[in-house]
């Protein structure tokens, strides 16, 4: 697996294959400048794209 992001790498050990595929798909949309927010605006920040990817994949970030 290539390095997606540190936030995703922290939870990558407990992700299923379909969740990883969904995250990769969303991040590639961001890379191609095709990812949009629910309001219809283009996503410009990588952190925002990671949050959308994790949300769509059904991954919750563990809080400290």
Protein backbone atom coordinates (compact mmCIF):
# COMPACT_ATOMS: atom_id res chain seq x y z
CA UNK A 1 0.00 0.00 0.00
CA UNK A 2 1.37 3.37 -0.91
CA UNK A 3 1.34 6.21 1.60
CA UNK A 4 -2.09 7.78 1.47
CA UNK A 5 -1.92 10.04 4.47
CA UNK A 6 -0.79 9.82 8.08
CA UNK A 7 -4.37 10.02 9.35
CA UNK A 8 -5.37 7.08 7.20
CA UNK A 9 -2.18 5.12 7.95
CA UNK A 10 -3.03 5.23 11.65
CA UNK A 11 -6.28 3.35 11.05
CA UNK A 12 -5.16 1.34 7.99
CA UNK A 13 -4.48 -1.79 10.03
CA UNK A 14 -8.16 -2.15 10.86
CA UNK A 15 -9.61 -1.24 7.43
CA UNK A 16 -11.25 -3.73 5.13
CA UNK A 17 -10.38 -4.03 1.47
CA UNK A 18 -13.53 -2.25 0.33
CA UNK A 19 -12.84 0.65 2.70
CA UNK A 20 -9.31 1.04 1.32
CA UNK A 21 -10.65 1.03 -2.24
CA UNK A 22 -13.20 3.72 -1.38
CA UNK A 23 -10.51 5.89 0.22
CA UNK A 24 -8.24 5.48 -2.80
CA UNK A 25 -11.11 6.37 -5.15
CA UNK A 26 -12.00 9.54 -3.25
CA UNK A 27 -8.37 10.63 -2.98
CA UNK A 28 -7.86 10.11 -6.71
CA UNK A 29 -10.94 12.30 -7.34
CA UNK A 30 -9.29 14.96 -5.18
CA UNK A 31 -6.06 14.60 -7.13
CA UNK A 32 -7.95 15.03 -10.41
CA UNK A 33 -9.76 18.10 -8.97
CA UNK A 34 -13.17 16.40 -9.31
CA UNK A 35 -14.00 16.00 -5.60
CA UNK A 36 -16.79 18.24 -4.33
CA UNK A 37 -18.29 18.95 -0.94
CA UNK A 38 -21.94 18.09 -0.24
CA UNK A 39 -22.70 21.77 -0.89
CA UNK A 40 -21.26 21.45 -4.41
CA UNK A 41 -18.03 23.40 -3.94
CA UNK A 42 -14.68 22.00 -5.05
CA UNK A 43 -12.45 20.59 -2.33
CA UNK A 44 -9.16 22.48 -2.19
CA UNK A 45 -7.57 21.24 1.05
CA UNK A 46 -6.09 17.78 1.45
CA UNK A 47 -7.29 17.48 5.05
CA UNK A 48 -10.84 18.10 3.87
CA UNK A 49 -10.44 15.38 1.22
CA UNK A 50 -9.16 12.93 3.85
CA UNK A 51 -12.15 13.67 6.07
CA UNK A 52 -14.55 13.06 3.18
CA UNK A 53 -12.74 9.84 2.21
CA UNK A 54 -12.82 8.46 5.74
CA UNK A 55 -16.46 9.42 6.15
CA UNK A 56 -17.53 7.77 2.90
CA UNK A 57 -15.57 4.63 3.75
CA UNK A 58 -17.27 4.45 7.14
CA UNK A 59 -14.10 4.88 9.16
CA UNK A 60 -14.25 6.78 12.42
CA UNK A 61 -11.20 8.54 13.77
CA UNK A 62 -10.37 7.42 17.28
CA UNK A 63 -10.25 10.38 19.65
CA UNK A 64 -7.62 10.59 22.38
